[in-house]
């Protein structure tokens, strides 16, 4: 099984291919992924948020996050936790994301 850091890198790259249909920036650069914890047995816990509880993609995005994580070799069980604290805000967008959105 790959080391945790190698798995984390592969997971983050995979999550970087997920886009909210309303935003032209992937969910990683948009700041929706708060954390990825990997246990020694390959169990992955993703903590993330959405832009709002009423997000039209509130079901689809977490399901896609789970599927993308499961597709990474060495990953076992996957849990996706949606949190609202801290609430997502534009300050969480990465510098790359801000450039893509014309914010910088």
C-alpha atoms as a PDB file:
ATOM      1  CA  UNK A   1       0.000   0.000   0.000  1.00  0.00           C
ATOM      2  CA  UNK A   2       1.344   3.482  -0.849  1.00  0.00           C
ATOM      3  CA  UNK A   3       2.434   5.752   1.999  1.00  0.00           C
ATOM      4  CA  UNK A   4      -0.153   8.178   3.382  1.00  0.00           C
ATOM      5  CA  UNK A   5       1.476  11.220   1.766  1.00  0.00           C
ATOM      6  CA  UNK A   6       1.581   9.522  -1.619  1.00  0.00           C
ATOM      7  CA  UNK A   7      -2.088   8.549  -1.234  1.00  0.00           C
ATOM      8  CA  UNK A   8      -2.968  12.097  -0.167  1.00  0.00           C
ATOM      9  CA  UNK A   9      -1.264  13.502  -3.255  1.00  0.00           C
ATOM     10  CA  UNK A  10      -3.082  11.077  -5.547  1.00  0.00           C
ATOM     11  CA  UNK A  11      -6.415  11.763  -3.834  1.00  0.00           C
ATOM     12  CA  UNK A  12      -6.002  15.537  -4.070  1.00  0.00           C
ATOM     13  CA  UNK A  13      -5.081  15.240  -7.760  1.00  0.00           C
ATOM     14  CA  UNK A  14      -8.194  13.145  -8.335  1.00  0.00           C
ATOM     15  CA  UNK A  15     -10.403  15.553  -6.364  1.00  0.00           C
ATOM     16  CA  UNK A  16      -8.950  18.362  -8.477  1.00  0.00           C
ATOM     17  CA  UNK A  17     -10.888  16.950 -11.434  1.00  0.00           C
ATOM     18  CA  UNK A  18     -14.273  17.583  -9.763  1.00  0.00           C
ATOM     19  CA  UNK A  19     -16.086  20.779 -10.643  1.00  0.00           C
ATOM     20  CA  UNK A  20     -19.208  22.377  -9.247  1.00  0.00           C
ATOM     21  CA  UNK A  21     -21.329  22.861 -12.389  1.00  0.00           C
ATOM     22  CA  UNK A  22     -21.872  26.510 -11.469  1.00  0.00           C
ATOM     23  CA  UNK A  23     -18.188  27.375 -10.949  1.00  0.00           C
ATOM     24  CA  UNK A  24     -15.316  27.093 -13.440  1.00  0.00           C
ATOM     25  CA  UNK A  25     -12.859  26.082 -10.682  1.00  0.00           C
ATOM     26  CA  UNK A  26     -12.288  22.589  -9.263  1.00  0.00           C
ATOM     27  CA  UNK A  27     -13.459  21.890  -5.707  1.00  0.00           C
ATOM     28  CA  UNK A  28      -9.899  21.782  -4.326  1.00  0.00           C
ATOM     29  CA  UNK A  29      -8.934  25.228  -5.648  1.00  0.00           C
ATOM     30  CA  UNK A  30     -12.391  26.522  -4.761  1.00  0.00           C
ATOM     31  CA  UNK A  31     -11.605  25.704  -1.135  1.00  0.00           C
ATOM     32  CA  UNK A  32     -14.329  23.124  -0.540  1.00  0.00           C
ATOM     33  CA  UNK A  33     -11.952  20.391   0.683  1.00  0.00           C
ATOM     34  CA  UNK A  34     -11.087  21.113   4.310  1.00  0.00           C
ATOM     35  CA  UNK A  35      -9.091  17.978   5.025  1.00  0.00           C
ATOM     36  CA  UNK A  36      -8.170  14.460   3.924  1.00  0.00           C
ATOM     37  CA  UNK A  37      -7.184  12.065   6.694  1.00  0.00           C
ATOM     38  CA  UNK A  38      -5.737   8.679   5.837  1.00  0.00           C
ATOM     39  CA  UNK A  39      -5.430   5.834   8.345  1.00  0.00           C
ATOM     40  CA  UNK A  40      -2.718   3.195   8.178  1.00  0.00           C
ATOM     41  CA  UNK A  41      -5.196   0.716   6.681  1.00  0.00           C
ATOM     42  CA  UNK A  42      -6.051   3.059   3.781  1.00  0.00           C
ATOM     43  CA  UNK A  43      -9.321   4.299   5.277  1.00  0.00           C
ATOM     44  CA  UNK A  44      -9.940   7.838   4.046  1.00  0.00           C
ATOM     45  CA  UNK A  45     -11.989  10.527   5.765  1.00  0.00           C
ATOM     46  CA  UNK A  46     -12.659  13.640   3.707  1.00  0.00           C
ATOM     47  CA  UNK A  47     -13.945  16.750   5.432  1.00  0.00           C
ATOM     48  CA  UNK A  48     -15.478  19.226   3.046  1.00  0.00           C
ATOM     49  CA  UNK A  49     -18.100  21.900   2.699  1.00  0.00           C
ATOM     50  CA  UNK A  50     -20.314  23.250  -0.013  1.00  0.00           C
ATOM     51  CA  UNK A  51     -21.009  26.863  -0.842  1.00  0.00           C
ATOM     52  CA  UNK A  52     -24.393  26.616   0.896  1.00  0.00           C
ATOM     53  CA  UNK A  53     -26.763  23.994   2.321  1.00  0.00           C
ATOM     54  CA  UNK A  54     -29.077  24.635  -0.616  1.00  0.00           C
ATOM     55  CA  UNK A  55     -26.364  23.990  -3.213  1.00  0.00           C
ATOM     56  CA  UNK A  56     -28.020  22.274  -6.201  1.00  0.00           C
ATOM     57  CA  UNK A  57     -25.104  19.814  -6.328  1.00  0.00           C
ATOM     58  CA  UNK A  58     -25.268  18.959  -2.608  1.00  0.00           C
ATOM     59  CA  UNK A  59     -25.843  15.259  -3.385  1.00  0.00           C
ATOM     60  CA  UNK A  60     -23.725  14.881  -6.514  1.00  0.00           C
ATOM     61  CA  UNK A  61     -20.466  16.470  -5.382  1.00  0.00           C
ATOM     62  CA  UNK A  62     -19.973  14.412  -2.178  1.00  0.00           C
ATOM     63  CA  UNK A  63     -20.864  11.231  -4.092  1.00  0.00           C
ATOM     64  CA  UNK A  64     -18.270  12.105  -6.730  1.00  0.00           C
ATOM     65  CA  UNK A  65     -15.698  12.851  -4.005  1.00  0.00           C
ATOM     66  CA  UNK A  66     -16.296   9.400  -2.541  1.00  0.00           C
ATOM     67  CA  UNK A  67     -16.052   7.711  -5.954  1.00  0.00           C
ATOM     68  CA  UNK A  68     -12.838   9.545  -6.903  1.00  0.00           C
ATOM     69  CA  UNK A  69     -11.234   8.607  -3.579  1.00  0.00           C
ATOM     70  CA  UNK A  70     -12.249   4.943  -3.926  1.00  0.00           C
ATOM     71  CA  UNK A  71     -10.696   4.848  -7.398  1.00  0.00           C
ATOM     72  CA  UNK A  72      -7.225   5.621  -6.025  1.00  0.00           C
ATOM     73  CA  UNK A  73      -5.203   2.426  -5.597  1.00  0.00           C
ATOM     74  CA  UNK A  74      -4.557   1.696  -1.927  1.00  0.00           C
ATOM     75  CA  UNK A  75      -7.655   3.446  -0.623  1.00  0.00           C
ATOM     76  CA  UNK A  76      -9.991   1.350   1.514  1.00  0.00           C
ATOM     77  CA  UNK A  77     -13.172   2.642   3.081  1.00  0.00           C
ATOM     78  CA  UNK A  78     -14.100   6.257   2.334  1.00  0.00           C
ATOM     79  CA  UNK A  79     -16.197   8.599   4.448  1.00  0.00           C
ATOM     80  CA  UNK A  80     -17.159  12.057   3.237  1.00  0.00           C
ATOM     81  CA  UNK A  81     -18.165  14.463   5.994  1.00  0.00           C
ATOM     82  CA  UNK A  82     -19.988  17.646   5.006  1.00  0.00           C
ATOM     83  CA  UNK A  83     -19.436  20.407   7.549  1.00  0.00           C
ATOM     84  CA  UNK A  84     -20.750  23.944   7.791  1.00  0.00           C
ATOM     85  CA  UNK A  85     -18.269  25.190  10.385  1.00  0.00           C
ATOM     86  CA  UNK A  86     -16.247  26.957   9.342  1.00  0.00           C
ATOM     87  CA  UNK A  87     -18.613  28.196   6.684  1.00  0.00           C
ATOM     88  CA  UNK A  88     -17.166  28.321   3.194  1.00  0.00           C
ATOM     89  CA  UNK A  89     -16.274  31.806   1.979  1.00  0.00           C
ATOM     90  CA  UNK A  90     -14.426  33.358  -0.962  1.00  0.00           C
ATOM     91  CA  UNK A  91     -11.308  33.762   1.191  1.00  0.00           C
ATOM     92  CA  UNK A  92     -10.913  29.964   0.982  1.00  0.00           C
ATOM     93  CA  UNK A  93     -10.361  30.032  -2.784  1.00  0.00           C
ATOM     94  CA  UNK A  94      -6.749  29.278  -3.680  1.00  0.00           C
ATOM     95  CA  UNK A  95      -4.655  31.878  -5.513  1.00  0.00           C
ATOM     96  CA  UNK A  96      -4.959  29.720  -8.664  1.00  0.00           C
ATOM     97  CA  UNK A  97      -8.716  29.597  -8.272  1.00  0.00           C
ATOM     98  CA  UNK A  98      -8.916  33.370  -7.803  1.00  0.00           C
ATOM     99  CA  UNK A  99      -6.997  33.880 -11.052  1.00  0.00           C
ATOM    100  CA  UNK A 100      -9.387  31.560 -12.920  1.00  0.00           C
ATOM    101  CA  UNK A 101     -12.342  33.479 -11.487  1.00  0.00           C
ATOM    102  CA  UNK A 102     -10.827  36.866 -12.354  1.00  0.00           C
ATOM    103  CA  UNK A 103     -10.553  37.822  -8.699  1.00  0.00           C
ATOM    104  CA  UNK A 104      -6.821  38.664  -8.935  1.00  0.00           C
END
